[in-house]
Amino acid sequence: MNPEESVRTKRSASASDDTIGTSTKAASVVVALGGWALGMYTGFNLLVPLVASTVVWLAGKRLFSAPKQIMLPAFCVQAGHLVWFVLGMAISRQLLGASLIDIVLLSIGLTWLGMRPGRVALYVLTIYQLLSLPYTLLQFSQTDFGSPQNKVLLVHCIWRCLALFYMVRMYYRMGKPERS
């Protein structure tokens, strides 16, 4: 390789790095602005599952063994959602509400995922989230924009989507499924 080709190769490599860097920076700014807007709109409703997910993440980094670290993001998002359900039920003092179903199913699924991370636990939690998300979206679409219920349901929708994203990610990190 002559020196001119070497310079040209370095220049083309650095040009693509600048493009990637610029698009990454732009995406970061957009995501930051979106997060800020979401936080301003939903207020305290976003804070509870966010803090709960963060606390579970920090505890999970220390408590879960290295092989179980693969399930930590999916576990944390759903555990934060579970804490929010429990807190909401405790504050509202409605112990026999619709949230009880979510609490029971999430508790069972997360216990299963935490003790034996695998595809079956992942499938159960994914099916639960896939069945819950359309119902939550329907409720969200029927509430008035800016109402407290609208803000709560928006956070529920986001947390369910995050849970699905991290479960799909975990599934692919575990490897492709075995063929029968």
C-alpha atoms as a PDB file:
ATOM      1  CA  MET A   1       0.000   0.000   0.000  1.00  0.00           C
ATOM      2  CA  ASN A   2       1.478   3.326  -0.993  1.00  0.00           C
ATOM      3  CA  PRO A   3       1.316   6.369   1.345  1.00  0.00           C
ATOM      4  CA  GLU A   4      -1.381   8.084  -0.718  1.00  0.00           C
ATOM      5  CA  GLU A   5      -3.750   5.100  -0.372  1.00  0.00           C
ATOM      6  CA  SER A   6      -3.029   4.978   3.347  1.00  0.00           C
ATOM      7  CA  VAL A   7      -3.996   8.649   3.793  1.00  0.00           C
ATOM      8  CA  ARG A   8      -7.105   8.189   1.665  1.00  0.00           C
ATOM      9  CA  THR A   9      -8.155   5.153   3.721  1.00  0.00           C
ATOM     10  CA  LYS A  10      -7.607   7.012   6.980  1.00  0.00           C
ATOM     11  CA  ARG A  11      -9.572  10.002   5.684  1.00  0.00           C
ATOM     12  CA  SER A  12     -12.530   7.865   4.588  1.00  0.00           C
ATOM     13  CA  ALA A  13     -12.531   6.010   7.912  1.00  0.00           C
ATOM     14  CA  SER A  14     -12.485   9.255   9.887  1.00  0.00           C
ATOM     15  CA  ALA A  15     -15.253  10.731   7.720  1.00  0.00           C
ATOM     16  CA  SER A  16     -17.574   7.849   8.557  1.00  0.00           C
ATOM     17  CA  ASP A  17     -16.643   8.148  12.238  1.00  0.00           C
ATOM     18  CA  ASP A  18     -17.625  11.828  12.145  1.00  0.00           C
ATOM     19  CA  THR A  19     -20.943  10.917  10.531  1.00  0.00           C
ATOM     20  CA  ILE A  20     -21.659   8.257  13.125  1.00  0.00           C
ATOM     21  CA  GLY A  21     -20.585  10.595  15.891  1.00  0.00           C
ATOM     22  CA  THR A  22     -22.810  13.374  14.600  1.00  0.00           C
ATOM     23  CA  SER A  23     -25.851  11.141  14.220  1.00  0.00           C
ATOM     24  CA  THR A  24     -25.252   9.661  17.663  1.00  0.00           C
ATOM     25  CA  LYS A  25     -25.009  13.138  19.154  1.00  0.00           C
ATOM     26  CA  ALA A  26     -28.169  14.236  17.364  1.00  0.00           C
ATOM     27  CA  ALA A  27     -30.039  11.147  18.548  1.00  0.00           C
ATOM     28  CA  SER A  28     -28.790  11.735  22.095  1.00  0.00           C
ATOM     29  CA  VAL A  29     -30.085  15.298  22.034  1.00  0.00           C
ATOM     30  CA  VAL A  30     -33.471  14.171  20.677  1.00  0.00           C
ATOM     31  CA  VAL A  31     -33.756  11.432  23.312  1.00  0.00           C
ATOM     32  CA  ALA A  32     -32.738  13.826  26.083  1.00  0.00           C
ATOM     33  CA  LEU A  33     -35.317  16.385  24.968  1.00  0.00           C
ATOM     34  CA  GLY A  34     -37.964  13.659  24.691  1.00  0.00           C
ATOM     35  CA  GLY A  35     -37.119  12.405  28.179  1.00  0.00           C
ATOM     36  CA  TRP A  36     -37.266  15.920  29.570  1.00  0.00           C
ATOM     37  CA  ALA A  37     -40.649  16.559  27.884  1.00  0.00           C
ATOM     38  CA  LEU A  38     -41.985  13.251  29.159  1.00  0.00           C
ATOM     39  CA  GLY A  39     -40.790  14.048  32.664  1.00  0.00           C
ATOM     40  CA  MET A  40     -42.379  17.482  32.542  1.00  0.00           C
ATOM     41  CA  TYR A  41     -45.674  16.020  31.342  1.00  0.00           C
ATOM     42  CA  THR A  42     -45.924  13.009  33.645  1.00  0.00           C
ATOM     43  CA  GLY A  43     -44.139  14.452  36.693  1.00  0.00           C
ATOM     44  CA  PHE A  44     -44.069  12.236  39.774  1.00  0.00           C
ATOM     45  CA  ASN A  45     -45.695   9.377  37.872  1.00  0.00           C
ATOM     46  CA  LEU A  46     -42.485   8.814  35.920  1.00  0.00           C
ATOM     47  CA  LEU A  47     -40.248   9.236  38.944  1.00  0.00           C
ATOM     48  CA  VAL A  48     -41.544   6.242  40.915  1.00  0.00           C
ATOM     49  CA  PRO A  49     -40.925   3.453  38.352  1.00  0.00           C
ATOM     50  CA  LEU A  50     -37.714   5.131  37.202  1.00  0.00           C
ATOM     51  CA  VAL A  51     -36.221   5.271  40.685  1.00  0.00           C
ATOM     52  CA  ALA A  52     -37.507   1.785  41.538  1.00  0.00           C
ATOM     53  CA  SER A  53     -35.966   0.354  38.352  1.00  0.00           C
ATOM     54  CA  THR A  54     -32.670   2.079  39.140  1.00  0.00           C
ATOM     55  CA  VAL A  55     -32.584   0.743  42.701  1.00  0.00           C
ATOM     56  CA  VAL A  56     -33.335  -2.779  41.472  1.00  0.00           C
ATOM     57  CA  TRP A  57     -30.604  -2.384  38.835  1.00  0.00           C
ATOM     58  CA  LEU A  58     -28.016  -1.369  41.427  1.00  0.00           C
ATOM     59  CA  ALA A  59     -29.019  -4.190  43.761  1.00  0.00           C
ATOM     60  CA  GLY A  60     -29.109  -6.698  40.902  1.00  0.00           C
ATOM     61  CA  LYS A  61     -25.581  -5.788  39.783  1.00  0.00           C
ATOM     62  CA  ARG A  62     -24.365  -6.950  43.179  1.00  0.00           C
ATOM     63  CA  LEU A  63     -26.782  -9.796  43.916  1.00  0.00           C
ATOM     64  CA  PHE A  64     -27.106 -11.629  40.602  1.00  0.00           C
ATOM     65  CA  SER A  65     -24.297 -13.884  39.444  1.00  0.00           C
ATOM     66  CA  ALA A  66     -22.549 -13.264  36.136  1.00  0.00           C
ATOM     67  CA  PRO A  67     -24.721 -15.718  34.144  1.00  0.00           C
ATOM     68  CA  LYS A  68     -27.885 -14.025  35.455  1.00  0.00           C
ATOM     69  CA  GLN A  69     -26.694 -10.527  34.462  1.00  0.00           C
ATOM     70  CA  ILE A  70     -28.167 -11.119  31.004  1.00  0.00           C
ATOM     71  CA  MET A  71     -31.678 -10.830  32.416  1.00  0.00           C
ATOM     72  CA  LEU A  72     -31.014  -7.764  34.571  1.00  0.00           C
ATOM     73  CA  PRO A  73     -32.425  -5.043  32.240  1.00  0.00           C
ATOM     74  CA  ALA A  74     -35.661  -6.965  31.600  1.00  0.00           C
ATOM     75  CA  PHE A  75     -35.950  -7.785  35.288  1.00  0.00           C
ATOM     76  CA  CYS A  76     -35.295  -4.217  36.465  1.00  0.00           C
ATOM     77  CA  VAL A  77     -37.835  -2.514  34.229  1.00  0.00           C
ATOM     78  CA  GLN A  78     -40.575  -4.913  35.262  1.00  0.00           C
ATOM     79  CA  ALA A  79     -39.597  -4.836  38.925  1.00  0.00           C
ATOM     80  CA  GLY A  80     -39.789  -1.031  38.838  1.00  0.00           C
ATOM     81  CA  HIS A  81     -43.246  -1.342  37.297  1.00  0.00           C
ATOM     82  CA  LEU A  82     -44.232  -3.834  40.003  1.00  0.00           C
ATOM     83  CA  VAL A  83     -43.087  -1.459  42.752  1.00  0.00           C
ATOM     84  CA  TRP A  84     -45.168   1.284  41.161  1.00  0.00           C
ATOM     85  CA  PHE A  85     -48.245  -0.983  41.108  1.00  0.00           C
ATOM     86  CA  VAL A  86     -47.764  -1.899  44.769  1.00  0.00           C
ATOM     87  CA  LEU A  87     -47.204   1.713  45.788  1.00  0.00           C
ATOM     88  CA  GLY A  88     -50.270   2.830  43.816  1.00  0.00           C
ATOM     89  CA  MET A  89     -52.390   0.151  45.461  1.00  0.00           C
ATOM     90  CA  ALA A  90     -51.120   1.098  48.912  1.00  0.00           C
ATOM     91  CA  ILE A  91     -51.769   4.824  48.367  1.00  0.00           C
ATOM     92  CA  SER A  92     -55.250   4.280  46.892  1.00  0.00           C
ATOM     93  CA  ARG A  93     -56.100   1.652  49.546  1.00  0.00           C
ATOM     94  CA  GLN A  94     -57.868  -0.416  46.910  1.00  0.00           C
ATOM     95  CA  LEU A  95     -56.504  -3.842  47.699  1.00  0.00           C
ATOM     96  CA  LEU A  96     -58.897  -5.710  45.429  1.00  0.00           C
ATOM     97  CA  GLY A  97     -58.525  -3.606  42.286  1.00  0.00           C
ATOM     98  CA  ALA A  98     -57.462  -4.436  38.751  1.00  0.00           C
ATOM     99  CA  SER A  99     -53.854  -3.795  39.752  1.00  0.00           C
ATOM    100  CA  LEU A 100     -53.913  -6.925  41.897  1.00  0.00           C
ATOM    101  CA  ILE A 101     -53.869  -9.071  38.744  1.00  0.00           C
ATOM    102  CA  ASP A 102     -50.812  -7.187  37.472  1.00  0.00           C
ATOM    103  CA  ILE A 103     -49.092  -7.492  40.844  1.00  0.00           C
ATOM    104  CA  VAL A 104     -49.686 -11.244  41.078  1.00  0.00           C
ATOM    105  CA  LEU A 105     -48.664 -11.994  37.490  1.00  0.00           C
ATOM    106  CA  LEU A 106     -45.577  -9.760  37.614  1.00  0.00           C
ATOM    107  CA  SER A 107     -44.547 -11.206  40.986  1.00  0.00           C
ATOM    108  CA  ILE A 108     -44.793 -14.770  39.713  1.00  0.00           C
ATOM    109  CA  GLY A 109     -43.023 -13.970  36.443  1.00  0.00           C
ATOM    110  CA  LEU A 110     -40.204 -11.990  38.058  1.00  0.00           C
ATOM    111  CA  THR A 111     -39.655 -14.613  40.752  1.00  0.00           C
ATOM    112  CA  TRP A 112     -39.433 -17.244  38.047  1.00  0.00           C
ATOM    113  CA  LEU A 113     -37.118 -15.114  35.910  1.00  0.00           C
ATOM    114  CA  GLY A 114     -34.891 -14.285  38.872  1.00  0.00           C
ATOM    115  CA  MET A 115     -34.559 -17.856  40.079  1.00  0.00           C
ATOM    116  CA  ARG A 116     -34.334 -19.615  36.715  1.00  0.00           C
ATOM    117  CA  PRO A 117     -33.655 -17.186  33.882  1.00  0.00           C
ATOM    118  CA  GLY A 118     -34.706 -18.886  30.709  1.00  0.00           C
ATOM    119  CA  ARG A 119     -36.951 -18.811  27.712  1.00  0.00           C
ATOM    120  CA  VAL A 120     -40.067 -20.142  29.432  1.00  0.00           C
ATOM    121  CA  ALA A 121     -40.084 -17.398  32.072  1.00  0.00           C
ATOM    122  CA  LEU A 122     -39.343 -14.931  29.313  1.00  0.00           C
ATOM    123  CA  TYR A 123     -42.274 -16.218  27.248  1.00  0.00           C
ATOM    124  CA  VAL A 124     -44.664 -15.944  30.199  1.00  0.00           C
ATOM    125  CA  LEU A 125     -43.658 -12.348  30.941  1.00  0.00           C
ATOM    126  CA  THR A 126     -43.717 -11.424  27.253  1.00  0.00           C
ATOM    127  CA  ILE A 127     -47.223 -12.837  26.809  1.00  0.00           C
ATOM    128  CA  TYR A 128     -48.366 -10.970  29.924  1.00  0.00           C
ATOM    129  CA  GLN A 129     -46.946  -7.681  28.598  1.00  0.00           C
ATOM    130  CA  LEU A 130     -48.286  -8.283  25.077  1.00  0.00           C
ATOM    131  CA  LEU A 131     -51.785  -8.875  26.463  1.00  0.00           C
ATOM    132  CA  SER A 132     -51.604  -5.924  28.859  1.00  0.00           C
ATOM    133  CA  LEU A 133     -50.228  -3.345  26.433  1.00  0.00           C
ATOM    134  CA  PRO A 134     -53.257  -3.142  24.072  1.00  0.00           C
ATOM    135  CA  TYR A 135     -55.615  -2.807  27.036  1.00  0.00           C
ATOM    136  CA  THR A 136     -53.463  -0.049  28.509  1.00  0.00           C
ATOM    137  CA  LEU A 137     -53.274   1.698  25.133  1.00  0.00           C
ATOM    138  CA  LEU A 138     -57.054   1.503  24.811  1.00  0.00           C
ATOM    139  CA  GLN A 139     -57.510   3.049  28.244  1.00  0.00           C
ATOM    140  CA  PHE A 140     -54.927   5.709  27.398  1.00  0.00           C
ATOM    141  CA  SER A 141     -56.720   6.627  24.175  1.00  0.00           C
ATOM    142  CA  GLN A 142     -59.991   7.109  26.046  1.00  0.00           C
ATOM    143  CA  THR A 143     -58.669   9.583  28.616  1.00  0.00           C
ATOM    144  CA  ASP A 144     -58.407  13.337  28.237  1.00  0.00           C
ATOM    145  CA  PHE A 145     -54.970  14.710  27.411  1.00  0.00           C
ATOM    146  CA  GLY A 146     -53.385  16.250  30.504  1.00  0.00           C
ATOM    147  CA  SER A 147     -55.585  14.426  32.991  1.00  0.00           C
ATOM    148  CA  PRO A 148     -53.883  12.576  35.864  1.00  0.00           C
ATOM    149  CA  GLN A 149     -55.131   9.256  34.510  1.00  0.00           C
ATOM    150  CA  ASN A 150     -53.700  10.055  31.057  1.00  0.00           C
ATOM    151  CA  LYS A 151     -50.283  10.737  32.573  1.00  0.00           C
ATOM    152  CA  VAL A 152     -50.323   7.508  34.588  1.00  0.00           C
ATOM    153  CA  LEU A 153     -51.389   5.425  31.605  1.00  0.00           C
ATOM    154  CA  LEU A 154     -48.693   6.976  29.417  1.00  0.00           C
ATOM    155  CA  VAL A 155     -46.028   5.856  31.884  1.00  0.00           C
ATOM    156  CA  HIS A 156     -47.618   2.381  32.034  1.00  0.00           C
ATOM    157  CA  CYS A 157     -47.469   2.162  28.223  1.00  0.00           C
ATOM    158  CA  ILE A 158     -43.835   3.264  28.179  1.00  0.00           C
ATOM    159  CA  TRP A 159     -42.845   0.801  30.899  1.00  0.00           C
ATOM    160  CA  ARG A 160     -44.609  -2.052  29.128  1.00  0.00           C
ATOM    161  CA  CYS A 161     -42.826  -1.168  25.860  1.00  0.00           C
ATOM    162  CA  LEU A 162     -39.487  -0.993  27.681  1.00  0.00           C
ATOM    163  CA  ALA A 163     -40.165  -4.391  29.239  1.00  0.00           C
ATOM    164  CA  LEU A 164     -40.944  -5.888  25.836  1.00  0.00           C
ATOM    165  CA  PHE A 165     -37.845  -4.310  24.303  1.00  0.00           C
ATOM    166  CA  TYR A 166     -35.545  -5.682  27.000  1.00  0.00           C
ATOM    167  CA  MET A 167     -37.151  -9.119  26.930  1.00  0.00           C
ATOM    168  CA  VAL A 168     -36.685  -9.360  23.150  1.00  0.00           C
ATOM    169  CA  ARG A 169     -33.109  -8.194  23.634  1.00  0.00           C
ATOM    170  CA  MET A 170     -32.571 -10.841  26.323  1.00  0.00           C
ATOM    171  CA  TYR A 171     -34.087 -13.493  24.103  1.00  0.00           C
ATOM    172  CA  TYR A 172     -31.653 -12.705  21.286  1.00  0.00           C
ATOM    173  CA  ARG A 173     -28.713 -12.501  23.656  1.00  0.00           C
ATOM    174  CA  MET A 174     -29.540 -15.963  24.937  1.00  0.00           C
ATOM    175  CA  GLY A 175     -29.063 -17.310  21.419  1.00  0.00           C
ATOM    176  CA  LYS A 176     -31.385 -18.490  18.741  1.00  0.00           C
ATOM    177  CA  PRO A 177     -34.101 -20.942  19.772  1.00  0.00           C
ATOM    178  CA  GLU A 178     -33.467 -24.631  19.366  1.00  0.00           C
ATOM    179  CA  ARG A 179     -35.319 -26.272  16.495  1.00  0.00           C
ATOM    180  CA  SER A 180     -37.482 -29.280  17.194  1.00  0.00           C
END
